[in-house]
Protein backbone atom coordinates (compact mmCIF):
# COMPACT_ATOMS: atom_id res chain seq x y z
CA MET A 1 47.94 4.67 7.14
CA ARG A 2 48.58 4.55 3.22
CA ALA A 3 51.68 5.96 2.29
CA GLN A 4 51.53 8.84 -0.26
CA ASN A 5 53.98 8.57 -3.17
CA TYR A 6 54.54 12.02 -4.83
CA PRO A 7 56.02 11.98 -8.49
CA THR A 8 59.51 13.62 -8.88
CA LEU A 9 60.09 16.62 -10.79
CA GLU A 10 61.36 14.62 -13.48
CA GLN A 11 58.25 12.69 -13.80
CA PHE A 12 56.03 15.68 -13.61
CA ALA A 13 58.06 17.35 -16.59
CA ASP A 14 58.06 13.92 -18.69
CA ASN A 15 54.24 13.90 -18.47
CA LEU A 16 53.02 17.61 -18.73
CA ALA A 17 49.75 17.96 -20.94
CA THR A 18 51.72 21.02 -22.43
CA VAL A 19 55.06 20.84 -23.71
CA MET A 20 56.45 24.01 -22.21
CA ASP A 21 59.72 24.43 -24.54
CA LYS A 22 57.73 23.99 -27.78
CA ILE A 23 55.61 26.47 -29.28
CA GLU A 24 53.09 25.57 -32.31
CA CYS A 25 51.64 28.41 -34.72
CA ILE A 26 48.31 28.04 -36.46
CA GLN A 27 46.43 30.47 -38.91
CA GLN A 28 43.38 30.95 -37.02
CA PRO A 29 41.13 34.08 -36.95
CA LEU A 30 39.54 35.68 -33.77
CA TYR A 31 36.05 36.61 -34.41
CA ASP A 32 32.93 38.11 -32.46
CA PHE A 33 29.41 38.94 -33.57
CA GLN A 34 26.54 40.84 -31.93
CA VAL A 35 22.95 42.12 -32.70
CA TYR A 36 22.81 45.34 -34.44
CA PRO A 37 19.59 46.82 -32.90
CA THR A 38 17.06 48.56 -35.28
CA ALA A 39 17.57 51.82 -33.69
CA GLY A 40 21.63 51.54 -33.86
CA LEU A 41 24.35 52.37 -31.30
CA ASN A 42 26.75 54.93 -30.93
CA GLN A 43 29.40 52.22 -29.60
CA PHE A 44 30.04 48.56 -30.49
CA LEU A 45 32.74 46.58 -28.22
CA PHE A 46 33.97 43.39 -29.55
CA PHE A 47 35.97 40.54 -27.95
CA GLN A 48 34.71 41.64 -24.49
CA GLN A 49 32.01 39.10 -23.93
CA PRO A 50 33.32 35.57 -24.25
CA GLN A 51 31.29 32.28 -24.71
CA GLY A 52 28.70 31.96 -22.00
CA ALA A 53 28.25 35.84 -21.53
CA GLY A 54 26.25 38.50 -23.35
CA PHE A 55 23.53 37.94 -25.70
CA SER A 56 23.88 35.47 -28.73
CA ALA A 57 23.57 36.83 -32.39
CA SER A 58 23.28 33.39 -33.69
CA PRO A 59 19.98 32.49 -35.77
CA GLY A 60 17.66 30.58 -33.53
CA ASN A 61 19.62 31.19 -30.34
CA ALA A 62 17.56 34.43 -29.15
CA GLY A 63 17.97 35.35 -25.54
CA ALA A 64 20.60 32.95 -24.73
CA THR A 65 24.31 33.89 -24.05
CA LYS A 66 27.07 33.52 -26.70
CA VAL A 67 28.01 30.38 -28.17
CA ILE A 68 30.99 29.42 -30.43
CA THR A 69 29.09 30.42 -33.59
CA ASP A 70 29.12 33.95 -32.02
CA THR A 71 32.54 34.23 -30.84
CA ASN A 72 35.67 32.02 -30.20
CA MET A 73 36.77 33.99 -27.25
CA THR A 74 37.02 32.37 -23.81
CA GLN A 75 37.76 35.07 -21.84
CA ASN A 76 37.02 38.65 -21.45
CA GLY A 77 39.20 40.85 -23.73
CA LEU A 78 42.41 38.73 -23.50
CA LEU A 79 43.81 35.40 -24.59
CA PRO A 80 44.35 32.60 -21.94
CA SER A 81 47.81 31.48 -20.95
CA PRO A 82 49.51 30.04 -22.86
CA GLN A 83 48.53 31.83 -25.81
CA ALA A 84 49.28 34.89 -27.77
CA TYR A 85 48.10 36.20 -31.15
CA PHE A 86 49.80 38.11 -34.19
CA VAL A 87 46.97 40.30 -36.00
CA GLU A 88 47.41 40.58 -39.76
CA GLY A 89 44.03 42.06 -41.07
CA ILE A 90 40.64 43.31 -39.88
CA GLU A 91 37.42 42.30 -41.45
CA VAL A 92 33.90 43.64 -40.80
CA LEU A 93 30.77 41.80 -41.45
CA VAL A 94 27.29 42.99 -41.80
CA ASP A 95 24.19 40.55 -42.35
CA PRO A 96 20.81 42.13 -42.52
CA GLY A 97 17.93 40.30 -40.57
CA SER A 98 14.27 39.68 -40.65
CA SER A 99 13.40 40.00 -36.83
CA ALA A 100 11.31 43.05 -35.84
CA ALA A 101 12.65 45.30 -33.01
CA THR A 102 12.77 42.41 -30.53
CA VAL A 103 15.53 43.33 -28.23
CA ASN A 104 18.75 40.87 -28.57
CA THR A 105 17.06 38.95 -31.47
CA TYR A 106 18.56 38.20 -34.92
CA ALA A 107 16.87 36.19 -37.49
CA LEU A 108 18.12 35.37 -40.97
CA GLN A 109 16.76 37.10 -43.98
CA ILE A 110 15.40 34.75 -46.36
CA PRO A 111 16.04 34.85 -49.98
CA ALA A 112 12.87 35.58 -51.77
CA ALA A 113 11.58 36.47 -55.16
CA MET A 114 9.50 39.56 -55.95
CA VAL A 115 7.53 40.62 -59.15
CA ALA A 116 9.48 42.37 -61.77
CA ALA A 117 7.30 45.66 -61.51
CA ALA A 118 8.88 46.00 -58.10
CA ALA A 119 12.20 45.44 -59.26
CA ALA A 120 13.19 49.19 -59.21
CA GLY A 121 12.69 49.12 -55.38
CA VAL A 122 16.10 48.50 -53.56
CA GLN A 123 15.47 45.53 -51.23
CA ALA A 124 15.23 46.63 -47.68
CA GLY A 125 18.17 44.53 -46.34
CA ALA A 126 20.57 46.30 -48.77
CA HIS A 127 19.56 49.64 -47.26
CA ASP A 128 20.42 48.34 -43.96
CA VAL A 129 23.84 47.04 -45.00
CA ASN A 130 24.52 50.39 -47.12
CA ALA A 131 23.83 52.34 -43.84
CA ILE A 132 25.97 50.78 -41.63
CA TYR A 133 28.93 49.99 -43.80
CA THR A 134 29.05 53.74 -45.07
CA GLY A 135 29.38 55.13 -41.62
CA GLY A 136 31.18 54.26 -38.41
CA VAL A 137 34.99 54.18 -37.70
CA LEU A 138 36.91 51.26 -36.30
CA GLN A 139 39.72 51.25 -33.96
CA LEU A 140 41.84 48.42 -32.59
CA SER A 141 43.29 48.78 -29.12
CA ILE A 142 45.93 46.74 -27.50
CA GLY A 143 46.46 47.29 -23.85
CA GLN A 144 45.71 51.14 -23.25
CA LYS A 145 47.07 52.19 -26.74
CA PRO A 146 45.22 52.69 -30.01
CA TYR A 147 46.99 50.94 -32.79
CA TYR A 148 44.91 51.21 -35.95
CA THR A 149 41.76 53.45 -36.73
CA GLU A 150 39.83 53.66 -40.07
CA ALA A 151 36.74 54.87 -41.41
CA PRO A 152 34.16 54.02 -42.73
CA LEU A 153 33.42 50.41 -42.43
CA TYR A 154 33.54 49.59 -45.86
CA GLN A 155 37.32 49.76 -45.51
CA PHE A 156 37.02 46.27 -43.80
CA PRO A 157 35.41 43.90 -46.40
CA PRO A 158 34.87 40.37 -45.50
CA SER A 159 36.80 37.94 -47.29
CA SER A 160 34.16 35.87 -47.81
CA THR A 161 30.38 36.48 -48.26
CA LEU A 162 27.13 35.63 -49.60
CA ALA A 163 25.76 37.13 -52.95
CA PHE A 164 22.83 36.55 -55.11
CA ASP A 165 22.34 37.35 -58.80
CA GLY A 166 19.02 38.48 -60.36
CA ALA A 167 17.51 38.11 -63.54
CA ILE A 168 13.79 38.90 -64.86
CA ALA A 169 12.13 35.29 -65.76
CA SER A 170 9.50 36.68 -67.93
CA ASN A 171 8.98 39.35 -70.73
CA SER A 172 5.83 40.51 -68.89
CA ALA A 173 6.26 43.35 -66.39
CA THR A 174 3.26 42.28 -64.34
CA ALA A 175 3.97 38.40 -64.11
CA GLY A 176 7.77 38.14 -64.39
CA GLU A 177 9.89 37.53 -61.44
CA VAL A 178 13.36 38.42 -60.23
CA LEU A 179 15.36 37.32 -57.38
CA LYS A 180 16.20 40.04 -54.76
CA GLU A 181 19.62 41.39 -54.47
CA LYS A 182 22.06 41.44 -51.21
CA LEU A 183 24.07 44.49 -51.06
CA ARG A 184 27.82 43.20 -49.96
CA ALA A 185 31.23 45.04 -49.10
CA PHE A 186 34.09 44.04 -51.55
CA GLY A 187 37.59 45.30 -52.23
CA ASN A 188 41.07 44.95 -51.00
CA LEU A 189 41.18 43.28 -47.50
CA CYS A 190 42.55 45.41 -44.90
CA LYS A 191 46.01 44.02 -44.35
CA LEU A 192 48.07 45.38 -41.28
CA ASP A 193 51.56 45.84 -42.36
CA PRO A 194 53.59 44.60 -40.27
CA GLY A 195 50.84 43.53 -38.09
CA PHE A 196 50.41 43.76 -34.08
CA GLY A 197 51.29 41.03 -31.38
CA ILE A 198 48.93 40.61 -28.45
CA MET A 199 50.74 38.74 -25.56
CA THR A 200 49.16 36.10 -23.09
CA GLY A 201 46.88 38.07 -20.69
CA GLN A 202 47.05 41.42 -22.64
CA ASN A 203 43.79 43.24 -22.87
CA PHE A 204 42.57 44.13 -26.54
CA LEU A 205 39.46 45.18 -28.10
CA VAL A 206 37.94 46.70 -31.36
CA THR A 207 35.68 49.45 -31.08
CA ILE A 208 33.16 50.59 -33.76
CA LEU A 209 31.75 53.95 -33.15
CA PHE A 210 28.92 56.07 -34.76
CA PRO A 211 29.01 59.67 -34.04
CA ALA A 212 25.25 59.68 -34.51
CA LEU A 213 22.86 56.73 -34.37
CA VAL A 214 22.41 55.02 -37.57
CA PRO A 215 19.12 53.01 -37.44
CA THR A 216 18.48 50.12 -39.92
CA PRO A 217 16.02 51.65 -42.79
CA SER A 218 13.93 48.38 -42.70
CA GLY A 219 13.32 48.58 -39.00
CA LEU A 220 14.81 45.31 -38.33
CA ASN A 221 17.69 44.03 -36.31
CA ALA A 222 20.76 43.19 -38.32
CA ARG A 223 23.87 41.31 -37.17
CA ILE A 224 27.33 42.88 -37.17
CA GLY A 225 30.81 41.22 -36.40
CA VAL A 226 34.66 41.57 -36.56
CA GLU A 227 36.98 39.11 -37.42
CA LEU A 228 40.94 39.65 -36.84
CA THR A 229 42.99 37.67 -39.20
CA GLY A 230 46.10 36.14 -38.16
CA TRP A 231 48.45 33.42 -36.46
CA LEU A 232 47.44 32.01 -33.13
CA PHE A 233 50.57 30.94 -30.98
CA ARG A 234 49.94 28.31 -28.27
CA ALA A 235 52.17 25.81 -26.41
CA ALA A 236 52.10 22.32 -28.03
CA GLN A 237 50.52 19.51 -26.70
């Protein structure tokens, strides 16, 4: 019979993949996106469905489960061991879409041009963004306790976003063209002072509530996401 040679405790400690007595800290957001259905919802829960669960809001991934472009969560509503997080800010991102009322489907809205005579009409996607951002309330909860509540959603502008400028390309009101606009939220970022710490294995979630349903005026599905900005603590390797 072959003899079994087990490593000593010293050998085990010397060859750990994780250095137990050293912690590294990196600036890394936590993010989560989901489809905003054309009829709206009274409640959106974020950071509760990790990769491989729920429904993807990534363009071209309709009907599939969440992937890394939807969220960087790997567990339901908590951080895996040995990780912890210090939340410093909150951002809400709203993207208009181009998909009809197909359940759990988000498609990008493609930039386009329109005749100058129609320029007075506000582009449909801007209506959607305005309707969503000007309503709702956001609440960050850690464990069983709400730690931050604010309304409306434009109090949480994204730190970066896409924007277009428009200009009439002709002196003829019937032949000229203008690039369509995209409404966006802007302003001071929501900074939490002094911030909140989330321990390893501690439940947390962000809830967005609408007291009444807010359908998209365009009749198209949109996308809504929440990003927590701050610092990720993890064991060094």
